[in-house]
Amino acid sequence: MHPEELVIVQAYEFEDEAHLARSVLDAEGIDSKVLGSETAGFGSLTNEASFQLVVRKDLYERAKQILEHAAQEQEEEEEAIPAWKCECGAEVDEGFAICWSCGKPWPGAGSPS
């Protein structure tokens, strides 16, 4: 990928979020790269966020749709999980499928939606 062919499809504050989104695009066959804060001011690839997920210009629309769909699915999944009490006694907030204290999964995870 040449820098002049790249466009920012999404910007992230945290590097792990950018790499997670990259893996979503990779699974769909879209080549992408994560550029970090050290690239600020690099050609036309400037953004206020520290990490930019970039793709070729011709893949931008498809990449954007894939990321929006993935975000929507994540939101729906989080909304489906109520606040719950883990076997270890920890109170787990709504939207979380894993206990923050012991790492056990939400007991409703195996039940059909």
PDB file of N, CA and C in Angstrom:
ATOM      1  N   MET A   1       0.849  -1.173   0.000  1.00  0.00           N
ATOM      2  CA  MET A   1       0.000   0.000   0.000  1.00  0.00           C
ATOM      3  C   MET A   1       0.893   1.235   0.000  1.00  0.00           C
ATOM      4  N   HIS A   2       0.650   2.117  -0.926  1.00  0.00           N
ATOM      5  CA  HIS A   2       1.368   3.389  -0.958  1.00  0.00           C
ATOM      6  C   HIS A   2       0.563   4.411  -0.172  1.00  0.00           C
ATOM      7  N   PRO A   3       1.236   5.281   0.605  1.00  0.00           N
ATOM      8  CA  PRO A   3       0.518   6.260   1.433  1.00  0.00           C
ATOM      9  C   PRO A   3      -0.478   7.114   0.656  1.00  0.00           C
ATOM     10  N   GLU A   4      -0.182   7.445  -0.583  1.00  0.00           N
ATOM     11  CA  GLU A   4      -1.101   8.292  -1.355  1.00  0.00           C
ATOM     12  C   GLU A   4      -2.382   7.562  -1.751  1.00  0.00           C
ATOM     13  N   GLU A   5      -2.405   6.234  -1.620  1.00  0.00           N
ATOM     14  CA  GLU A   5      -3.588   5.450  -1.951  1.00  0.00           C
ATOM     15  C   GLU A   5      -4.489   5.213  -0.735  1.00  0.00           C
ATOM     16  N   LEU A   6      -4.038   5.608   0.459  1.00  0.00           N
ATOM     17  CA  LEU A   6      -4.736   5.266   1.690  1.00  0.00           C
ATOM     18  C   LEU A   6      -5.656   6.372   2.188  1.00  0.00           C
ATOM     19  N   VAL A   7      -6.744   5.936   2.807  1.00  0.00           N
ATOM     20  CA  VAL A   7      -7.661   6.861   3.467  1.00  0.00           C
ATOM     21  C   VAL A   7      -7.985   6.299   4.845  1.00  0.00           C
ATOM     22  N   ILE A   8      -8.304   7.194   5.759  1.00  0.00           N
ATOM     23  CA  ILE A   8      -8.670   6.771   7.108  1.00  0.00           C
ATOM     24  C   ILE A   8     -10.122   6.314   7.093  1.00  0.00           C
ATOM     25  N   VAL A   9     -10.328   5.073   7.486  1.00  0.00           N
ATOM     26  CA  VAL A   9     -11.696   4.560   7.548  1.00  0.00           C
ATOM     27  C   VAL A   9     -12.269   4.766   8.949  1.00  0.00           C
ATOM     28  N   GLN A  10     -11.402   4.783   9.963  1.00  0.00           N
ATOM     29  CA  GLN A  10     -11.850   4.999  11.334  1.00  0.00           C
ATOM     30  C   GLN A  10     -10.641   5.407  12.170  1.00  0.00           C
ATOM     31  N   ALA A  11     -10.858   6.253  13.154  1.00  0.00           N
ATOM     32  CA  ALA A  11      -9.801   6.675  14.075  1.00  0.00           C
ATOM     33  C   ALA A  11     -10.166   6.228  15.479  1.00  0.00           C
ATOM     34  N   TYR A  12      -9.143   5.877  16.252  1.00  0.00           N
ATOM     35  CA  TYR A  12      -9.350   5.325  17.591  1.00  0.00           C
ATOM     36  C   TYR A  12      -8.418   5.988  18.595  1.00  0.00           C
ATOM     37  N   GLU A  13      -8.887   6.081  19.798  1.00  0.00           N
ATOM     38  CA  GLU A  13      -8.060   6.616  20.873  1.00  0.00           C
ATOM     39  C   GLU A  13      -7.071   5.565  21.371  1.00  0.00           C
ATOM     40  N   PHE A  14      -7.484   4.297  21.339  1.00  0.00           N
ATOM     41  CA  PHE A  14      -6.660   3.221  21.876  1.00  0.00           C
ATOM     42  C   PHE A  14      -6.216   2.263  20.774  1.00  0.00           C
ATOM     43  N   GLU A  15      -4.971   1.846  20.850  1.00  0.00           N
ATOM     44  CA  GLU A  15      -4.386   0.973  19.827  1.00  0.00           C
ATOM     45  C   GLU A  15      -5.098  -0.372  19.732  1.00  0.00           C
ATOM     46  N   ASP A  16      -5.480  -0.958  20.867  1.00  0.00           N
ATOM     47  CA  ASP A  16      -6.128  -2.271  20.814  1.00  0.00           C
ATOM     48  C   ASP A  16      -7.466  -2.220  20.078  1.00  0.00           C
ATOM     49  N   GLU A  17      -8.191  -1.102  20.198  1.00  0.00           N
ATOM     50  CA  GLU A  17      -9.443  -0.949  19.461  1.00  0.00           C
ATOM     51  C   GLU A  17      -9.181  -0.917  17.954  1.00  0.00           C
ATOM     52  N   ALA A  18      -8.134  -0.224  17.558  1.00  0.00           N
ATOM     53  CA  ALA A  18      -7.790  -0.135  16.141  1.00  0.00           C
ATOM     54  C   ALA A  18      -7.422  -1.505  15.585  1.00  0.00           C
ATOM     55  N   HIS A  19      -6.665  -2.270  16.353  1.00  0.00           N
ATOM     56  CA  HIS A  19      -6.263  -3.602  15.882  1.00  0.00           C
ATOM     57  C   HIS A  19      -7.437  -4.581  15.866  1.00  0.00           C
ATOM     58  N   LEU A  20      -8.356  -4.422  16.791  1.00  0.00           N
ATOM     59  CA  LEU A  20      -9.566  -5.253  16.775  1.00  0.00           C
ATOM     60  C   LEU A  20     -10.374  -4.977  15.514  1.00  0.00           C
ATOM     61  N   ALA A  21     -10.536  -3.702  15.175  1.00  0.00           N
ATOM     62  CA  ALA A  21     -11.261  -3.334  13.952  1.00  0.00           C
ATOM     63  C   ALA A  21     -10.515  -3.853  12.723  1.00  0.00           C
ATOM     64  N   ARG A  22      -9.201  -3.796  12.761  1.00  0.00           N
ATOM     65  CA  ARG A  22      -8.412  -4.326  11.641  1.00  0.00           C
ATOM     66  C   ARG A  22      -8.688  -5.814  11.462  1.00  0.00           C
ATOM     67  N   SER A  23      -8.796  -6.550  12.568  1.00  0.00           N
ATOM     68  CA  SER A  23      -9.064  -7.985  12.457  1.00  0.00           C
ATOM     69  C   SER A  23     -10.442  -8.254  11.858  1.00  0.00           C
ATOM     70  N   VAL A  24     -11.407  -7.372  12.127  1.00  0.00           N
ATOM     71  CA  VAL A  24     -12.740  -7.502  11.527  1.00  0.00           C
ATOM     72  C   VAL A  24     -12.633  -7.346  10.014  1.00  0.00           C
ATOM     73  N   LEU A  25     -11.886  -6.343   9.570  1.00  0.00           N
ATOM     74  CA  LEU A  25     -11.709  -6.133   8.131  1.00  0.00           C
ATOM     75  C   LEU A  25     -10.920  -7.276   7.504  1.00  0.00           C
ATOM     76  N   ASP A  26      -9.882  -7.736   8.195  1.00  0.00           N
ATOM     77  CA  ASP A  26      -9.090  -8.863   7.682  1.00  0.00           C
ATOM     78  C   ASP A  26      -9.962 -10.092   7.450  1.00  0.00           C
ATOM     79  N   ALA A  27     -10.889 -10.345   8.382  1.00  0.00           N
ATOM     80  CA  ALA A  27     -11.776 -11.500   8.255  1.00  0.00           C
ATOM     81  C   ALA A  27     -12.674 -11.396   7.026  1.00  0.00           C
ATOM     82  N   GLU A  28     -12.904 -10.170   6.572  1.00  0.00           N
ATOM     83  CA  GLU A  28     -13.724  -9.944   5.381  1.00  0.00           C
ATOM     84  C   GLU A  28     -12.878  -9.789   4.116  1.00  0.00           C
ATOM     85  N   GLY A  29     -11.576 -10.018   4.239  1.00  0.00           N
ATOM     86  CA  GLY A  29     -10.688  -9.950   3.075  1.00  0.00           C
ATOM     87  C   GLY A  29     -10.245  -8.552   2.685  1.00  0.00           C
ATOM     88  N   ILE A  30     -10.360  -7.604   3.595  1.00  0.00           N
ATOM     89  CA  ILE A  30      -9.942  -6.235   3.297  1.00  0.00           C
ATOM     90  C   ILE A  30      -8.617  -5.952   3.981  1.00  0.00           C
ATOM     91  N   ASP A  31      -7.616  -5.645   3.171  1.00  0.00           N
ATOM     92  CA  ASP A  31      -6.292  -5.312   3.681  1.00  0.00           C
ATOM     93  C   ASP A  31      -6.339  -3.919   4.307  1.00  0.00           C
ATOM     94  N   SER A  32      -5.825  -3.803   5.526  1.00  0.00           N
ATOM     95  CA  SER A  32      -5.817  -2.518   6.218  1.00  0.00           C
ATOM     96  C   SER A  32      -4.563  -2.424   7.073  1.00  0.00           C
ATOM     97  N   LYS A  33      -4.284  -1.218   7.528  1.00  0.00           N
ATOM     98  CA  LYS A  33      -3.143  -0.983   8.404  1.00  0.00           C
ATOM     99  C   LYS A  33      -3.565  -0.061   9.527  1.00  0.00           C
ATOM    100  N   VAL A  34      -2.879  -0.206  10.663  1.00  0.00           N
ATOM    101  CA  VAL A  34      -3.078   0.703  11.790  1.00  0.00           C
ATOM    102  C   VAL A  34      -1.859   1.601  11.852  1.00  0.00           C
ATOM    103  N   LEU A  35      -2.117   2.891  11.775  1.00  0.00           N
ATOM    104  CA  LEU A  35      -1.056   3.876  11.906  1.00  0.00           C
ATOM    105  C   LEU A  35      -1.186   4.515  13.277  1.00  0.00           C
ATOM    106  N   GLY A  36      -0.061   4.661  13.966  1.00  0.00           N
ATOM    107  CA  GLY A  36      -0.078   5.192  15.323  1.00  0.00           C
ATOM    108  C   GLY A  36       0.214   6.668  15.381  1.00  0.00           C
ATOM    109  N   SER A  37       0.306   7.162  16.599  1.00  0.00           N
ATOM    110  CA  SER A  37       0.497   8.597  16.811  1.00  0.00           C
ATOM    111  C   SER A  37       1.797   9.104  16.216  1.00  0.00           C
ATOM    112  N   GLU A  38       2.771   8.222  16.017  1.00  0.00           N
ATOM    113  CA  GLU A  38       4.030   8.646  15.406  1.00  0.00           C
ATOM    114  C   GLU A  38       3.854   9.063  13.951  1.00  0.00           C
ATOM    115  N   THR A  39       2.699   8.764  13.366  1.00  0.00           N
ATOM    116  CA  THR A  39       2.447   9.130  11.973  1.00  0.00           C
ATOM    117  C   THR A  39       1.649  10.421  11.855  1.00  0.00           C
ATOM    118  N   ALA A  40       1.395  11.088  12.966  1.00  0.00           N
ATOM    119  CA  ALA A  40       0.623  12.331  12.914  1.00  0.00           C
ATOM    120  C   ALA A  40       1.286  13.303  11.957  1.00  0.00           C
ATOM    121  N   GLY A  41       0.498  13.850  11.077  1.00  0.00           N
ATOM    122  CA  GLY A  41       1.026  14.788  10.099  1.00  0.00           C
ATOM    123  C   GLY A  41       1.608  14.117   8.869  1.00  0.00           C
ATOM    124  N   PHE A  42       1.443  12.792   8.748  1.00  0.00           N
ATOM    125  CA  PHE A  42       1.990  12.047   7.611  1.00  0.00           C
ATOM    126  C   PHE A  42       1.114  12.279   6.390  1.00  0.00           C
ATOM    127  N   GLY A  43       1.586  13.099   5.470  1.00  0.00           N
ATOM    128  CA  GLY A  43       0.825  13.388   4.257  1.00  0.00           C
ATOM    129  C   GLY A  43      -0.563  13.872   4.594  1.00  0.00           C
ATOM    130  N   SER A  44      -1.563  13.287   3.954  1.00  0.00           N
ATOM    131  CA  SER A  44      -2.945  13.689   4.210  1.00  0.00           C
ATOM    132  C   SER A  44      -3.574  12.869   5.334  1.00  0.00           C
ATOM    133  N   LEU A  45      -2.804  11.981   5.939  1.00  0.00           N
ATOM    134  CA  LEU A  45      -3.337  11.115   6.987  1.00  0.00           C
ATOM    135  C   LEU A  45      -3.179  11.768   8.354  1.00  0.00           C
ATOM    136  N   THR A  46      -3.945  12.812   8.589  1.00  0.00           N
ATOM    137  CA  THR A  46      -3.901  13.473   9.895  1.00  0.00           C
ATOM    138  C   THR A  46      -5.255  13.341  10.551  1.00  0.00           C
ATOM    139  N   ASN A  47      -5.239  13.210  11.856  1.00  0.00           N
ATOM    140  CA  ASN A  47      -6.470  13.067  12.614  1.00  0.00           C
ATOM    141  C   ASN A  47      -6.153  13.350  14.064  1.00  0.00           C
ATOM    142  N   GLU A  48      -7.145  13.759  14.835  1.00  0.00           N
ATOM    143  CA  GLU A  48      -6.915  14.055  16.236  1.00  0.00           C
ATOM    144  C   GLU A  48      -6.719  12.794  17.069  1.00  0.00           C
ATOM    145  N   ALA A  49      -7.286  11.677  16.669  1.00  0.00           N
ATOM    146  CA  ALA A  49      -7.125  10.436  17.410  1.00  0.00           C
ATOM    147  C   ALA A  49      -5.722   9.894  17.201  1.00  0.00           C
ATOM    148  N   SER A  50      -5.265   9.106  18.140  1.00  0.00           N
ATOM    149  CA  SER A  50      -3.894   8.605  18.094  1.00  0.00           C
ATOM    150  C   SER A  50      -3.671   7.498  17.076  1.00  0.00           C
ATOM    151  N   PHE A  51      -4.672   6.691  16.811  1.00  0.00           N
ATOM    152  CA  PHE A  51      -4.504   5.540  15.932  1.00  0.00           C
ATOM    153  C   PHE A  51      -5.534   5.568  14.818  1.00  0.00           C
ATOM    154  N   GLN A  52      -5.057   5.425  13.601  1.00  0.00           N
ATOM    155  CA  GLN A  52      -5.935   5.457  12.442  1.00  0.00           C
ATOM    156  C   GLN A  52      -5.905   4.098  11.743  1.00  0.00           C
ATOM    157  N   LEU A  53      -7.071   3.623  11.386  1.00  0.00           N
ATOM    158  CA  LEU A  53      -7.211   2.418  10.586  1.00  0.00           C
ATOM    159  C   LEU A  53      -7.367   2.893   9.154  1.00  0.00           C
ATOM    160  N   VAL A  54      -6.448   2.499   8.292  1.00  0.00           N
ATOM    161  CA  VAL A  54      -6.464   2.974   6.915  1.00  0.00           C
ATOM    162  C   VAL A  54      -6.644   1.818   5.945  1.00  0.00           C
ATOM    163  N   VAL A  55      -7.298   2.137   4.830  1.00  0.00           N
ATOM    164  CA  VAL A  55      -7.521   1.181   3.748  1.00  0.00           C
ATOM    165  C   VAL A  55      -7.268   1.888   2.420  1.00  0.00           C
ATOM    166  N   ARG A  56      -7.194   1.108   1.357  1.00  0.00           N
ATOM    167  CA  ARG A  56      -7.093   1.714   0.029  1.00  0.00           C
ATOM    168  C   ARG A  56      -8.375   2.473  -0.267  1.00  0.00           C
ATOM    169  N   LYS A  57      -8.246   3.547  -1.036  1.00  0.00           N
ATOM    170  CA  LYS A  57      -9.407   4.391  -1.371  1.00  0.00           C
ATOM    171  C   LYS A  57     -10.558   3.584  -1.955  1.00  0.00           C
ATOM    172  N   ASP A  58     -10.244   2.638  -2.832  1.00  0.00           N
ATOM    173  CA  ASP A  58     -11.302   1.881  -3.505  1.00  0.00           C
ATOM    174  C   ASP A  58     -12.031   0.899  -2.567  1.00  0.00           C
ATOM    175  N   LEU A  59     -11.483   0.657  -1.372  1.00  0.00           N
ATOM    176  CA  LEU A  59     -12.121  -0.249  -0.414  1.00  0.00           C
ATOM    177  C   LEU A  59     -12.816   0.495   0.731  1.00  0.00           C
ATOM    178  N   TYR A  60     -12.735   1.815   0.703  1.00  0.00           N
ATOM    179  CA  TYR A  60     -13.246   2.626   1.812  1.00  0.00           C
ATOM    180  C   TYR A  60     -14.722   2.352   2.119  1.00  0.00           C
ATOM    181  N   GLU A  61     -15.603   2.440   1.141  1.00  0.00           N
ATOM    182  CA  GLU A  61     -17.047   2.285   1.377  1.00  0.00           C
ATOM    183  C   GLU A  61     -17.372   0.911   1.952  1.00  0.00           C
ATOM    184  N   ARG A  62     -16.776  -0.128   1.394  1.00  0.00           N
ATOM    185  CA  ARG A  62     -17.031  -1.489   1.886  1.00  0.00           C
ATOM    186  C   ARG A  62     -16.507  -1.643   3.316  1.00  0.00           C
ATOM    187  N   ALA A  63     -15.323  -1.122   3.580  1.00  0.00           N
ATOM    188  CA  ALA A  63     -14.736  -1.210   4.921  1.00  0.00           C
ATOM    189  C   ALA A  63     -15.608  -0.475   5.935  1.00  0.00           C
ATOM    190  N   LYS A  64     -16.080   0.696   5.575  1.00  0.00           N
ATOM    191  CA  LYS A  64     -16.924   1.491   6.466  1.00  0.00           C
ATOM    192  C   LYS A  64     -18.211   0.723   6.806  1.00  0.00           C
ATOM    193  N   GLN A  65     -18.823   0.107   5.804  1.00  0.00           N
ATOM    194  CA  GLN A  65     -20.050  -0.665   6.025  1.00  0.00           C
ATOM    195  C   GLN A  65     -19.797  -1.846   6.959  1.00  0.00           C
ATOM    196  N   ILE A  66     -18.686  -2.539   6.752  1.00  0.00           N
ATOM    197  CA  ILE A  66     -18.351  -3.699   7.589  1.00  0.00           C
ATOM    198  C   ILE A  66     -18.153  -3.271   9.034  1.00  0.00           C
ATOM    199  N   LEU A  67     -17.434  -2.179   9.251  1.00  0.00           N
ATOM    200  CA  LEU A  67     -17.186  -1.705  10.609  1.00  0.00           C
ATOM    201  C   LEU A  67     -18.468  -1.222  11.281  1.00  0.00           C
ATOM    202  N   GLU A  68     -19.338  -0.550  10.529  1.00  0.00           N
ATOM    203  CA  GLU A  68     -20.612  -0.101  11.091  1.00  0.00           C
ATOM    204  C   GLU A  68     -21.486  -1.283  11.477  1.00  0.00           C
ATOM    205  N   HIS A  69     -21.512  -2.312  10.632  1.00  0.00           N
ATOM    206  CA  HIS A  69     -22.286  -3.517  10.921  1.00  0.00           C
ATOM    207  C   HIS A  69     -21.749  -4.215  12.170  1.00  0.00           C
ATOM    208  N   ALA A  70     -20.432  -4.330  12.288  1.00  0.00           N
ATOM    209  CA  ALA A  70     -19.814  -4.968  13.453  1.00  0.00           C
ATOM    210  C   ALA A  70     -20.121  -4.194  14.727  1.00  0.00           C
ATOM    211  N   ALA A  71     -20.086  -2.866  14.660  1.00  0.00           N
ATOM    212  CA  ALA A  71     -20.391  -2.032  15.825  1.00  0.00           C
ATOM    213  C   ALA A  71     -21.851  -2.203  16.240  1.00  0.00           C
ATOM    214  N   GLN A  72     -22.738  -2.288  15.253  1.00  0.00           N
ATOM    215  CA  GLN A  72     -24.164  -2.468  15.530  1.00  0.00           C
ATOM    216  C   GLN A  72     -24.413  -3.827  16.190  1.00  0.00           C
ATOM    217  N   GLU A  73     -23.753  -4.862  15.701  1.00  0.00           N
ATOM    218  CA  GLU A  73     -23.906  -6.194  16.297  1.00  0.00           C
ATOM    219  C   GLU A  73     -23.405  -6.197  17.739  1.00  0.00           C
ATOM    220  N   GLN A  74     -22.262  -5.540  17.977  1.00  0.00           N
ATOM    221  CA  GLN A  74     -21.703  -5.459  19.320  1.00  0.00           C
ATOM    222  C   GLN A  74     -22.656  -4.741  20.263  1.00  0.00           C
ATOM    223  N   GLU A  75     -23.237  -3.654  19.794  1.00  0.00           N
ATOM    224  CA  GLU A  75     -24.180  -2.880  20.606  1.00  0.00           C
ATOM    225  C   GLU A  75     -25.406  -3.719  20.956  1.00  0.00           C
ATOM    226  N   GLU A  76     -25.936  -4.442  19.979  1.00  0.00           N
ATOM    227  CA  GLU A  76     -27.111  -5.287  20.211  1.00  0.00           C
ATOM    228  C   GLU A  76     -26.791  -6.391  21.212  1.00  0.00           C
ATOM    229  N   GLU A  77     -25.606  -6.959  21.103  1.00  0.00           N
ATOM    230  CA  GLU A  77     -25.192  -8.022  22.019  1.00  0.00           C
ATOM    231  C   GLU A  77     -25.081  -7.483  23.442  1.00  0.00           C
ATOM    232  N   GLU A  78     -24.489  -6.302  23.594  1.00  0.00           N
ATOM    233  CA  GLU A  78     -24.327  -5.704  24.914  1.00  0.00           C
ATOM    234  C   GLU A  78     -25.675  -5.353  25.535  1.00  0.00           C
ATOM    235  N   GLU A  79     -26.621  -4.887  24.709  1.00  0.00           N
ATOM    236  CA  GLU A  79     -27.945  -4.532  25.215  1.00  0.00           C
ATOM    237  C   GLU A  79     -28.717  -5.765  25.682  1.00  0.00           C
ATOM    238  N   ALA A  80     -28.393  -6.927  25.153  1.00  0.00           N
ATOM    239  CA  ALA A  80     -29.115  -8.148  25.481  1.00  0.00           C
ATOM    240  C   ALA A  80     -28.678  -8.741  26.817  1.00  0.00           C
ATOM    241  N   ILE A  81     -27.594  -8.262  27.402  1.00  0.00           N
ATOM    242  CA  ILE A  81     -27.086  -8.823  28.648  1.00  0.00           C
ATOM    243  C   ILE A  81     -27.482  -7.917  29.816  1.00  0.00           C
ATOM    244  N   PRO A  82     -28.324  -8.409  30.699  1.00  0.00           N
ATOM    245  CA  PRO A  82     -28.734  -7.594  31.853  1.00  0.00           C
ATOM    246  C   PRO A  82     -27.634  -7.574  32.916  1.00  0.00           C
ATOM    247  N   ALA A  83     -27.765  -6.698  33.896  1.00  0.00           N
ATOM    248  CA  ALA A  83     -26.876  -6.741  35.055  1.00  0.00           C
ATOM    249  C   ALA A  83     -27.095  -8.099  35.726  1.00  0.00           C
ATOM    250  N   TRP A  84     -26.022  -8.695  36.251  1.00  0.00           N
ATOM    251  CA  TRP A  84     -26.143 -10.016  36.849  1.00  0.00           C
ATOM    252  C   TRP A  84     -25.156 -10.191  37.994  1.00  0.00           C
ATOM    253  N   LYS A  85     -25.425 -11.198  38.834  1.00  0.00           N
ATOM    254  CA  LYS A  85     -24.540 -11.500  39.952  1.00  0.00           C
ATOM    255  C   LYS A  85     -23.833 -12.811  39.653  1.00  0.00           C
ATOM    256  N   CYS A  86     -22.531 -12.763  39.693  1.00  0.00           N
ATOM    257  CA  CYS A  86     -21.709 -13.940  39.395  1.00  0.00           C
ATOM    258  C   CYS A  86     -21.707 -14.907  40.573  1.00  0.00           C
ATOM    259  N   GLU A  87     -21.343 -16.155  40.299  1.00  0.00           N
ATOM    260  CA  GLU A  87     -21.219 -17.173  41.346  1.00  0.00           C
ATOM    261  C   GLU A  87     -20.216 -16.750  42.418  1.00  0.00           C
ATOM    262  N   CYS A  88     -19.216 -15.951  42.021  1.00  0.00           N
ATOM    263  CA  CYS A  88     -18.192 -15.515  42.976  1.00  0.00           C
ATOM    264  C   CYS A  88     -18.697 -14.397  43.885  1.00  0.00           C
ATOM    265  N   GLY A  89     -19.919 -13.884  43.598  1.00  0.00           N
ATOM    266  CA  GLY A  89     -20.506 -12.843  44.422  1.00  0.00           C
ATOM    267  C   GLY A  89     -20.383 -11.441  43.844  1.00  0.00           C
ATOM    268  N   ALA A  90     -19.629 -11.282  42.769  1.00  0.00           N
ATOM    269  CA  ALA A  90     -19.438  -9.957  42.162  1.00  0.00           C
ATOM    270  C   ALA A  90     -20.683  -9.519  41.411  1.00  0.00           C
ATOM    271  N   GLU A  91     -20.984  -8.232  41.516  1.00  0.00           N
ATOM    272  CA  GLU A  91     -22.068  -7.622  40.749  1.00  0.00           C
ATOM    273  C   GLU A  91     -21.482  -7.181  39.409  1.00  0.00           C
ATOM    274  N   VAL A  92     -22.051  -7.657  38.309  1.00  0.00           N
ATOM    275  CA  VAL A  92     -21.548  -7.339  36.975  1.00  0.00           C
ATOM    276  C   VAL A  92     -22.555  -6.428  36.278  1.00  0.00           C
ATOM    277  N   ASP A  93     -22.062  -5.324  35.754  1.00  0.00           N
ATOM    278  CA  ASP A  93     -22.933  -4.334  35.119  1.00  0.00           C
ATOM    279  C   ASP A  93     -23.557  -4.850  33.830  1.00  0.00           C
ATOM    280  N   GLU A  94     -24.670  -4.246  33.473  1.00  0.00           N
ATOM    281  CA  GLU A  94     -25.379  -4.547  32.232  1.00  0.00           C
ATOM    282  C   GLU A  94     -24.432  -4.432  31.036  1.00  0.00           C
ATOM    283  N   GLY A  95     -24.565  -5.375  30.108  1.00  0.00           N
ATOM    284  CA  GLY A  95     -23.773  -5.332  28.887  1.00  0.00           C
ATOM    285  C   GLY A  95     -22.490  -6.129  28.946  1.00  0.00           C
ATOM    286  N   PHE A  96     -22.092  -6.589  30.130  1.00  0.00           N
ATOM    287  CA  PHE A  96     -20.846  -7.333  30.267  1.00  0.00           C
ATOM    288  C   PHE A  96     -21.117  -8.827  30.352  1.00  0.00           C
ATOM    289  N   ALA A  97     -20.486  -9.611  29.493  1.00  0.00           N
ATOM    290  CA  ALA A  97     -20.707 -11.049  29.434  1.00  0.00           C
ATOM    291  C   ALA A  97     -19.672 -11.829  30.236  1.00  0.00           C
ATOM    292  N   ILE A  98     -18.688 -11.145  30.790  1.00  0.00           N
ATOM    293  CA  ILE A  98     -17.627 -11.793  31.563  1.00  0.00           C
ATOM    294  C   ILE A  98     -17.537 -11.096  32.921  1.00  0.00           C
ATOM    295  N   CYS A  99     -17.397 -11.872  33.970  1.00  0.00           N
ATOM    296  CA  CYS A  99     -17.251 -11.307  35.313  1.00  0.00           C
ATOM    297  C   CYS A  99     -15.907 -10.598  35.418  1.00  0.00           C
ATOM    298  N   TRP A 100     -15.936  -9.368  35.893  1.00  0.00           N
ATOM    299  CA  TRP A 100     -14.717  -8.578  36.035  1.00  0.00           C
ATOM    300  C   TRP A 100     -13.826  -9.129  37.146  1.00  0.00           C
ATOM    301  N   SER A 101     -14.406  -9.875  38.077  1.00  0.00           N
ATOM    302  CA  SER A 101     -13.665 -10.354  39.229  1.00  0.00           C
ATOM    303  C   SER A 101     -12.985 -11.705  38.995  1.00  0.00           C
ATOM    304  N   CYS A 102     -13.739 -12.661  38.457  1.00  0.00           N
ATOM    305  CA  CYS A 102     -13.177 -14.017  38.317  1.00  0.00           C
ATOM    306  C   CYS A 102     -13.052 -14.495  36.876  1.00  0.00           C
ATOM    307  N   GLY A 103     -13.654 -13.770  35.940  1.00  0.00           N
ATOM    308  CA  GLY A 103     -13.532 -14.146  34.526  1.00  0.00           C
ATOM    309  C   GLY A 103     -14.549 -15.153  34.041  1.00  0.00           C
ATOM    310  N   LYS A 104     -15.491 -15.552  34.904  1.00  0.00           N
ATOM    311  CA  LYS A 104     -16.511 -16.505  34.466  1.00  0.00           C
ATOM    312  C   LYS A 104     -17.488 -15.833  33.516  1.00  0.00           C
ATOM    313  N   PRO A 105     -18.024 -16.592  32.547  1.00  0.00           N
ATOM    314  CA  PRO A 105     -19.001 -16.015  31.607  1.00  0.00           C
ATOM    315  C   PRO A 105     -20.374 -15.844  32.238  1.00  0.00           C
ATOM    316  N   TRP A 106     -21.136 -14.921  31.658  1.00  0.00           N
ATOM    317  CA  TRP A 106     -22.526 -14.698  32.044  1.00  0.00           C
ATOM    318  C   TRP A 106     -23.277 -16.029  31.936  1.00  0.00           C
ATOM    319  N   PRO A 107     -24.041 -16.422  32.952  1.00  0.00           N
ATOM    320  CA  PRO A 107     -24.723 -17.718  32.914  1.00  0.00           C
ATOM    321  C   PRO A 107     -25.747 -17.842  31.789  1.00  0.00           C
ATOM    322  N   GLY A 108     -26.234 -16.733  31.256  1.00  0.00           N
ATOM    323  CA  GLY A 108     -27.196 -16.790  30.158  1.00  0.00           C
ATOM    324  C   GLY A 108     -26.555 -16.885  28.792  1.00  0.00           C
ATOM    325  N   ALA A 109     -25.231 -16.934  28.736  1.00  0.00           N
ATOM    326  CA  ALA A 109     -24.517 -16.944  27.462  1.00  0.00           C
ATOM    327  C   ALA A 109     -24.856 -18.145  26.607  1.00  0.00           C
ATOM    328  N   GLY A 110     -25.154 -19.290  27.231  1.00  0.00           N
ATOM    329  CA  GLY A 110     -25.448 -20.494  26.461  1.00  0.00           C
ATOM    330  C   GLY A 110     -26.903 -20.643  26.101  1.00  0.00           C
ATOM    331  N   SER A 111     -27.765 -19.772  26.645  1.00  0.00           N
ATOM    332  CA  SER A 111     -29.194 -19.908  26.363  1.00  0.00           C
ATOM    333  C   SER A 111     -29.554 -19.228  25.064  1.00  0.00           C
ATOM    334  N   PRO A 112     -30.523 -19.758  24.319  1.00  0.00           N
ATOM    335  CA  PRO A 112     -30.911 -19.149  23.050  1.00  0.00           C
ATOM    336  C   PRO A 112     -31.531 -17.770  23.253  1.00  0.00           C
ATOM    337  N   SER A 113     -31.343 -16.878  22.261  1.00  0.00           N
ATOM    338  CA  SER A 113     -31.896 -15.521  22.355  1.00  0.00           C
ATOM    339  C   SER A 113     -33.316 -15.463  21.917  1.00  0.00           C
TER     340      SER A 113
END
